[in-house]
């Protein structure tokens, strides 16, 4: 049995693939420990690690010199703390899943000579991973032709984005029959942080649908807690069958039972949609410097598995028109579901775990 330390920013997009790898490595008899930041409290109790270590970190801001310097000191502080923890744990290897909270512990592992691998979930390599790539022994990619990784092609390997056990289990669910008069199931999710745009736009878009479609809808929508009451009232006025929650713990199963998903296009969402084989209207998070979500969504759109709608031009009218078109064509969604399934990589976690074990073995013989 070996000990591995997984490192991830404390949001779902980074933690969920790390969780998937932890589950697979534990099945293989290894001990797993997690290094992350304070945000892990939202769902870290479900992470399959024998210990969770909170390591101080910060995101540098090049626009504010004072904050940049303060962030540098905090990263140095976190690196010192991680050096002490890793020196006691002595893992066979470490794996970083992105986000600046990975920076201090991954750098500490390098200083201690511990083999390290980075996993990039997105179609564009993130800034934190780009900063750490020179220190990594291996870089695992989720997409072929990942942007901004060319300089590190010699140590990169395509594994796919690993999914949690429950997502893999749900992937065997057939696409539900879509008939002219049967129920239409739609799941709306804004990722682990929620997305206010869906609370603002969805109710009016649904209310504007033809009654013949609206009365058949079975809608499940994630809302931020502060938006739940107003969204519920809007749907109540439109007489729509809807279930609202601040966070769906069973999201893979809900998506698997859906005819259509409306979502952000974070890497984990794209990975789950493609393994499940579910079509989606994708609204990339705007304002990202690397446009990572836009590039993720483009992979589905180019394959005919989804439709991108930019948040800047998203209105109840535009969304309602798109929904009316898709839901009036009995072939459109099933065809897109097949296209999504063709992109899925259900064995990504096995491939990733194999690379990690080989890295650890090489470390013990070097």
Protein backbone atom coordinates (compact mmCIF):
# COMPACT_ATOMS: atom_id res chain seq x y z
CA UNK A 1 0.00 0.00 0.00
CA UNK A 2 1.21 3.49 -0.90
CA UNK A 3 0.14 6.89 0.37
CA UNK A 4 -0.87 9.53 -2.15
CA UNK A 5 -1.64 13.17 -1.42
CA UNK A 6 -4.21 14.77 -3.70
CA UNK A 7 -4.27 18.56 -3.95
CA UNK A 8 -7.19 20.63 -5.20
CA UNK A 9 -8.88 23.99 -4.94
CA UNK A 10 -11.92 23.77 -2.68
CA UNK A 11 -14.62 24.00 -5.36
CA UNK A 12 -16.55 21.18 -7.00
CA UNK A 13 -14.79 21.60 -10.33
CA UNK A 14 -11.46 20.71 -8.74
CA UNK A 15 -12.62 18.46 -5.91
CA UNK A 16 -14.91 16.14 -7.89
CA UNK A 17 -12.21 14.72 -10.21
CA UNK A 18 -9.88 14.44 -7.22
CA UNK A 19 -12.63 12.56 -5.40
CA UNK A 20 -12.99 10.18 -8.33
CA UNK A 21 -9.27 9.40 -8.30
CA UNK A 22 -9.33 8.95 -4.53
CA UNK A 23 -12.13 6.40 -4.83
CA UNK A 24 -10.22 4.41 -7.46
CA UNK A 25 -6.88 4.48 -5.60
CA UNK A 26 -8.59 3.37 -2.39
CA UNK A 27 -10.09 0.42 -4.27
CA UNK A 28 -6.53 -0.49 -5.18
CA UNK A 29 -5.56 -0.51 -1.51
CA UNK A 30 -3.83 2.85 -1.21
CA UNK A 31 -4.12 5.50 1.51
CA UNK A 32 -5.34 8.91 0.34
CA UNK A 33 -4.84 12.29 2.00
CA UNK A 34 -6.16 15.63 0.75
CA UNK A 35 -4.60 19.10 0.78
CA UNK A 36 -6.95 21.96 -0.07
CA UNK A 37 -8.35 25.25 1.23
CA UNK A 38 -11.15 26.18 3.64
CA UNK A 39 -13.88 25.98 0.96
CA UNK A 40 -13.74 22.19 1.21
CA UNK A 41 -16.12 22.47 4.18
CA UNK A 42 -19.05 22.68 1.74
CA UNK A 43 -18.60 19.04 0.62
CA UNK A 44 -15.27 17.86 1.97
CA UNK A 45 -16.88 15.51 4.49
CA UNK A 46 -17.72 13.25 1.56
CA UNK A 47 -14.13 13.15 0.28
CA UNK A 48 -12.66 9.65 0.72
CA UNK A 49 -9.45 10.70 2.46
CA UNK A 50 -7.97 9.42 5.72
CA UNK A 51 -6.93 13.01 6.53
CA UNK A 52 -7.71 16.45 5.11
CA UNK A 53 -5.12 19.20 5.51
CA UNK A 54 -6.01 22.89 5.07
CA UNK A 55 -3.05 24.76 3.57
CA UNK A 56 -3.01 28.60 3.33
CA UNK A 57 -2.91 30.00 -0.17
CA UNK A 58 -4.00 33.02 -2.22
CA UNK A 59 -4.69 34.03 -5.79
CA UNK A 60 -2.19 36.65 -7.01
CA UNK A 61 -3.73 39.82 -8.47
CA UNK A 62 -1.51 41.48 -11.07
CA UNK A 63 -3.81 44.51 -11.11
CA UNK A 64 -3.21 45.33 -7.45
CA UNK A 65 0.48 45.42 -6.40
CA UNK A 66 -0.34 45.35 -2.68
CA UNK A 67 -2.58 42.30 -3.01
CA UNK A 68 0.03 40.66 -5.25
CA UNK A 69 2.73 41.04 -2.59
CA UNK A 70 0.39 39.88 0.19
CA UNK A 71 -0.59 36.85 -1.87
CA UNK A 72 3.08 36.04 -2.36
CA UNK A 73 3.70 36.04 1.38
CA UNK A 74 0.64 33.85 1.98
CA UNK A 75 1.81 31.37 -0.66
CA UNK A 76 5.25 31.24 1.01
CA UNK A 77 3.54 30.67 4.37
CA UNK A 78 1.45 27.88 2.90
CA UNK A 79 4.51 26.32 1.28
CA UNK A 80 6.24 26.21 4.66
CA UNK A 81 3.23 24.54 6.29
CA UNK A 82 2.99 22.03 3.42
CA UNK A 83 6.70 21.22 3.73
CA UNK A 84 6.16 20.21 7.34
CA UNK A 85 3.08 18.12 6.58
CA UNK A 86 4.52 16.37 3.52
CA UNK A 87 7.76 15.72 5.38
CA UNK A 88 5.79 13.69 7.92
CA UNK A 89 3.46 11.97 5.42
CA UNK A 90 6.17 11.10 2.86
CA UNK A 91 3.72 10.18 0.07
CA UNK A 92 4.74 8.05 -2.88
CA UNK A 93 3.45 10.81 -5.18
CA UNK A 94 1.21 13.87 -5.21
CA UNK A 95 -1.48 14.83 -7.73
CA UNK A 96 -2.67 18.42 -8.22
CA UNK A 97 -6.08 19.20 -9.72
CA UNK A 98 -5.77 22.92 -10.33
CA UNK A 99 -6.56 26.15 -8.55
CA UNK A 100 -4.08 28.32 -6.66
CA UNK A 101 -4.58 26.34 -3.40
CA UNK A 102 -2.53 23.62 -5.14
CA UNK A 103 0.46 25.93 -5.56
CA UNK A 104 1.99 25.81 -2.02
CA UNK A 105 1.73 22.04 -1.44
CA UNK A 106 2.77 21.10 -4.98
CA UNK A 107 5.80 23.39 -4.77
CA UNK A 108 6.64 21.89 -1.37
CA UNK A 109 6.47 18.39 -2.86
CA UNK A 110 8.93 19.47 -5.55
CA UNK A 111 11.33 20.84 -2.91
CA UNK A 112 11.14 17.49 -1.10
CA UNK A 113 11.77 15.49 -4.26
CA UNK A 114 8.34 13.82 -4.21
CA UNK A 115 7.06 12.88 -7.70
CA UNK A 116 4.16 15.06 -8.79
CA UNK A 117 1.49 15.01 -11.47
CA UNK A 118 -0.96 17.73 -12.51
CA UNK A 119 -4.41 17.04 -13.93
CA UNK A 120 -5.98 19.60 -16.24
CA UNK A 121 -9.76 19.34 -16.44
CA UNK A 122 -10.42 22.03 -19.06
CA UNK A 123 -9.81 22.44 -22.79
CA UNK A 124 -7.48 25.34 -21.92
CA UNK A 125 -4.72 24.80 -19.36
CA UNK A 126 -5.43 26.94 -16.28
CA UNK A 127 -3.11 29.62 -14.96
CA UNK A 128 -2.20 27.79 -11.75
CA UNK A 129 -1.38 24.60 -13.65
CA UNK A 130 0.66 26.56 -16.20
CA UNK A 131 2.67 28.10 -13.35
CA UNK A 132 3.31 24.67 -11.83
CA UNK A 133 3.80 22.66 -15.03
CA UNK A 134 7.59 23.05 -15.03
CA UNK A 135 7.71 21.33 -11.63
CA UNK A 136 5.49 18.39 -12.63
CA UNK A 137 6.78 15.00 -13.70
CA UNK A 138 3.57 14.27 -15.65
CA UNK A 139 0.57 16.27 -16.84
CA UNK A 140 -2.73 14.46 -17.42
CA UNK A 141 -5.15 16.02 -19.90
CA UNK A 142 -8.92 15.70 -20.24
CA UNK A 143 -9.15 16.77 -23.89
CA UNK A 144 -6.99 16.14 -26.95
CA UNK A 145 -5.42 19.33 -28.31
CA UNK A 146 -5.66 21.10 -24.95
CA UNK A 147 -4.65 24.72 -25.43
CA UNK A 148 -1.56 26.25 -23.79
CA UNK A 149 0.02 22.91 -22.95
CA UNK A 150 2.23 22.63 -26.06
CA UNK A 151 5.39 23.58 -24.19
CA UNK A 152 4.91 20.55 -21.95
CA UNK A 153 3.84 18.04 -24.61
CA UNK A 154 6.74 15.71 -23.79
CA UNK A 155 5.34 14.97 -20.33
CA UNK A 156 1.64 15.14 -21.12
CA UNK A 157 -0.73 12.19 -21.39
CA UNK A 158 -4.41 12.05 -22.37
CA UNK A 159 -6.49 10.35 -19.65
CA UNK A 160 -9.84 12.15 -19.71
CA UNK A 161 -11.55 13.78 -16.75
CA UNK A 162 -12.26 11.22 -14.00
CA UNK A 163 -15.81 10.97 -12.71
CA UNK A 164 -17.19 10.02 -9.32
CA UNK A 165 -18.54 6.51 -8.86
CA UNK A 166 -22.16 7.65 -8.88
CA UNK A 167 -21.72 9.33 -12.28
CA UNK A 168 -20.21 6.16 -13.75
CA UNK A 169 -23.03 4.10 -12.23
CA UNK A 170 -25.64 6.42 -13.77
CA UNK A 171 -24.00 6.21 -17.21
CA UNK A 172 -25.81 2.94 -17.89
CA UNK A 173 -29.20 4.68 -17.83
CA UNK A 174 -30.71 4.67 -21.35
CA UNK A 175 -31.87 7.96 -22.83
CA UNK A 176 -35.53 8.30 -21.77
CA UNK A 177 -38.13 7.96 -24.56
CA UNK A 178 -39.30 11.30 -25.91
CA UNK A 179 -42.83 11.21 -27.28
CA UNK A 180 -45.22 13.78 -28.70
CA UNK A 181 -47.41 13.80 -25.59
CA UNK A 182 -45.22 12.37 -22.81
CA UNK A 183 -43.31 14.19 -20.06
CA UNK A 184 -40.25 16.30 -20.89
CA UNK A 185 -37.61 16.23 -18.18
CA UNK A 186 -35.15 19.13 -17.94
CA UNK A 187 -32.42 19.64 -15.34
CA UNK A 188 -30.93 23.10 -14.81
CA UNK A 189 -27.68 23.43 -12.89
CA UNK A 190 -25.18 26.24 -12.39
CA UNK A 191 -22.34 24.13 -11.02
CA UNK A 192 -21.24 23.86 -7.40
CA UNK A 193 -21.52 27.64 -6.90
CA UNK A 194 -24.89 28.09 -8.59
CA UNK A 195 -25.63 30.55 -11.42
CA UNK A 196 -27.96 33.49 -10.90
CA UNK A 197 -28.52 33.94 -14.62
CA UNK A 198 -30.68 30.81 -14.69
CA UNK A 199 -32.82 32.14 -11.84
CA UNK A 200 -33.23 35.40 -13.75
CA UNK A 201 -33.97 33.98 -17.20
CA UNK A 202 -35.42 30.48 -16.88
CA UNK A 203 -38.85 31.17 -15.30
CA UNK A 204 -39.84 33.75 -17.92
CA UNK A 205 -38.48 31.59 -20.74
CA UNK A 206 -40.51 28.60 -19.53
CA UNK A 207 -43.61 30.73 -19.03
CA UNK A 208 -43.41 31.84 -22.68
CA UNK A 209 -43.40 28.28 -24.05
CA UNK A 210 -46.51 26.99 -25.82
CA UNK A 211 -48.92 25.47 -23.31
CA UNK A 212 -48.71 22.12 -25.10
CA UNK A 213 -45.03 21.96 -24.16
CA UNK A 214 -45.15 23.76 -20.81
CA UNK A 215 -47.73 21.41 -19.28
CA UNK A 216 -45.53 18.40 -20.08
CA UNK A 217 -42.42 19.79 -18.39
CA UNK A 218 -40.88 18.15 -15.35
CA UNK A 219 -38.25 20.66 -14.31
CA UNK A 220 -35.50 20.38 -11.70
CA UNK A 221 -33.50 23.56 -11.15
CA UNK A 222 -30.61 24.48 -8.90
CA UNK A 223 -30.85 28.00 -7.44
CA UNK A 224 -28.75 29.98 -5.05
CA UNK A 225 -30.42 29.97 -1.62
CA UNK A 226 -31.27 33.67 -1.81
CA UNK A 227 -33.09 33.13 -5.12
CA UNK A 228 -35.27 30.15 -4.17
CA UNK A 229 -38.36 32.06 -3.04
CA UNK A 230 -38.64 34.40 -6.03
CA UNK A 231 -37.99 31.62 -8.53
CA UNK A 232 -40.56 29.38 -6.86
CA UNK A 233 -43.15 32.15 -7.04
CA UNK A 234 -42.44 32.77 -10.73
CA UNK A 235 -42.90 29.11 -11.60
CA UNK A 236 -46.01 28.91 -9.45
CA UNK A 237 -47.55 31.74 -11.43
CA UNK A 238 -46.68 29.96 -14.68
CA UNK A 239 -48.15 26.68 -13.37
CA UNK A 240 -44.97 24.72 -14.06
CA UNK A 241 -44.11 21.39 -12.43
CA UNK A 242 -40.73 22.21 -10.85
CA UNK A 243 -38.42 21.09 -8.06
CA UNK A 244 -35.99 23.69 -6.75
CA UNK A 245 -32.93 23.07 -4.57
CA UNK A 246 -29.83 25.04 -3.65
CA UNK A 247 -27.63 22.02 -4.39
CA UNK A 248 -28.40 18.62 -5.90
CA UNK A 249 -26.43 15.88 -4.18
CA UNK A 250 -27.79 13.41 -6.76
CA UNK A 251 -27.05 15.49 -9.84
CA UNK A 252 -25.65 12.65 -12.01
CA UNK A 253 -28.82 10.62 -11.50
CA UNK A 254 -31.01 13.65 -12.25
CA UNK A 255 -29.13 14.39 -15.44
CA UNK A 256 -29.37 10.73 -16.46
CA UNK A 257 -33.16 10.86 -16.15
CA UNK A 258 -33.37 14.08 -18.21
CA UNK A 259 -34.10 14.68 -21.87
CA UNK A 260 -32.15 17.97 -21.76
CA UNK A 261 -29.73 19.68 -19.39
CA UNK A 262 -29.24 23.44 -19.16
CA UNK A 263 -25.95 24.26 -17.47
CA UNK A 264 -22.67 26.07 -17.21
CA UNK A 265 -19.87 24.34 -19.10
CA UNK A 266 -17.34 23.57 -16.39
CA UNK A 267 -15.08 20.60 -17.05
CA UNK A 268 -16.84 18.22 -14.65
CA UNK A 269 -20.23 19.09 -16.12
CA UNK A 270 -18.98 18.37 -19.65
CA UNK A 271 -17.40 15.10 -18.53
CA UNK A 272 -20.62 13.95 -16.87
CA UNK A 273 -22.82 14.99 -19.79
CA UNK A 274 -20.68 13.05 -22.26
CA UNK A 275 -20.38 9.90 -20.16
CA UNK A 276 -24.13 9.98 -19.45
CA UNK A 277 -24.90 10.87 -23.06
CA UNK A 278 -27.19 13.83 -22.44
CA UNK A 279 -27.65 16.87 -24.70
CA UNK A 280 -27.28 20.33 -23.21
CA UNK A 281 -27.82 24.02 -23.69
CA UNK A 282 -24.57 25.45 -22.37
CA UNK A 283 -24.09 28.97 -20.99
CA UNK A 284 -20.33 29.44 -20.39
CA UNK A 285 -19.27 31.49 -17.40
CA UNK A 286 -18.46 34.94 -18.82
CA UNK A 287 -15.37 36.97 -18.07
CA UNK A 288 -12.85 34.14 -17.68
CA UNK A 289 -9.41 35.21 -18.89
CA UNK A 290 -8.79 31.88 -20.59
CA UNK A 291 -12.39 31.37 -21.79
CA UNK A 292 -12.08 27.81 -20.48
CA UNK A 293 -15.81 27.16 -20.23
CA UNK A 294 -16.40 28.51 -23.74
CA UNK A 295 -13.75 26.15 -25.10
CA UNK A 296 -15.21 23.23 -23.15
CA UNK A 297 -18.65 23.97 -24.59
CA UNK A 298 -17.30 24.24 -28.13
CA UNK A 299 -16.23 20.60 -27.99
CA UNK A 300 -19.84 19.53 -27.42
CA UNK A 301 -21.30 21.99 -29.92
CA UNK A 302 -18.92 20.94 -32.71
CA UNK A 303 -19.89 17.31 -32.13
CA UNK A 304 -23.60 18.14 -32.37
CA UNK A 305 -24.10 17.30 -28.69
CA UNK A 306 -25.05 20.73 -27.38
CA UNK A 307 -25.88 24.35 -28.10
CA UNK A 308 -23.95 27.35 -26.76
CA UNK A 309 -25.90 30.41 -25.63
CA UNK A 310 -23.73 33.31 -24.47
CA UNK A 311 -24.82 34.91 -21.21
CA UNK A 312 -24.41 38.44 -22.64
CA UNK A 313 -27.19 37.81 -25.16
CA UNK A 314 -29.26 35.30 -23.17
CA UNK A 315 -32.84 36.51 -22.68
CA UNK A 316 -36.12 34.79 -21.84
CA UNK A 317 -37.10 35.28 -25.47
CA UNK A 318 -33.94 33.76 -26.97
CA UNK A 319 -33.96 30.83 -24.57
CA UNK A 320 -37.68 30.28 -25.05
CA UNK A 321 -37.26 30.24 -28.82
CA UNK A 322 -34.41 27.71 -28.60
CA UNK A 323 -36.39 25.48 -26.23
CA UNK A 324 -39.50 25.60 -28.38
CA UNK A 325 -37.45 24.55 -31.42
CA UNK A 326 -35.69 21.68 -29.66
CA UNK A 327 -38.73 20.37 -27.81
CA UNK A 328 -40.91 20.46 -30.94
CA UNK A 329 -38.50 18.19 -32.86
CA UNK A 330 -38.67 14.61 -31.57
CA UNK A 331 -35.36 13.72 -33.26
CA UNK A 332 -33.18 16.68 -32.22
CA UNK A 333 -32.54 15.74 -28.59
CA UNK A 334 -32.06 11.96 -29.07
CA UNK A 335 -29.60 12.62 -31.90
CA UNK A 336 -27.66 15.07 -29.73
CA UNK A 337 -27.69 12.53 -26.89
CA UNK A 338 -25.96 9.99 -29.15
CA UNK A 339 -23.38 12.59 -30.14
CA UNK A 340 -22.71 13.41 -26.48
CA UNK A 341 -22.26 9.73 -25.63
CA UNK A 342 -19.67 9.38 -28.40
CA UNK A 343 -17.48 11.92 -26.58
CA UNK A 344 -17.61 10.19 -23.18
CA UNK A 345 -14.54 8.74 -21.48
CA UNK A 346 -15.91 6.42 -18.78
CA UNK A 347 -12.51 4.80 -18.16
CA UNK A 348 -10.73 8.09 -17.43
CA UNK A 349 -10.32 7.37 -13.71
CA UNK A 350 -8.73 3.97 -14.41
CA UNK A 351 -6.27 5.54 -16.86
CA UNK A 352 -5.42 8.30 -14.40
CA UNK A 353 -4.88 5.89 -11.52
CA UNK A 354 -2.59 3.78 -13.72
CA UNK A 355 -0.45 6.84 -14.51
CA UNK A 356 -0.26 7.78 -10.83
CA UNK A 357 0.86 4.29 -9.80
CA UNK A 358 3.51 4.21 -12.54
CA UNK A 359 4.76 7.63 -11.43
CA UNK A 360 5.06 6.42 -7.82
CA UNK A 361 6.85 3.24 -8.90
CA UNK A 362 9.30 5.23 -11.00
CA UNK A 363 9.92 7.50 -8.02
CA UNK A 364 10.90 4.57 -5.81
CA UNK A 365 13.38 3.26 -8.37
CA UNK A 366 14.98 6.55 -9.40
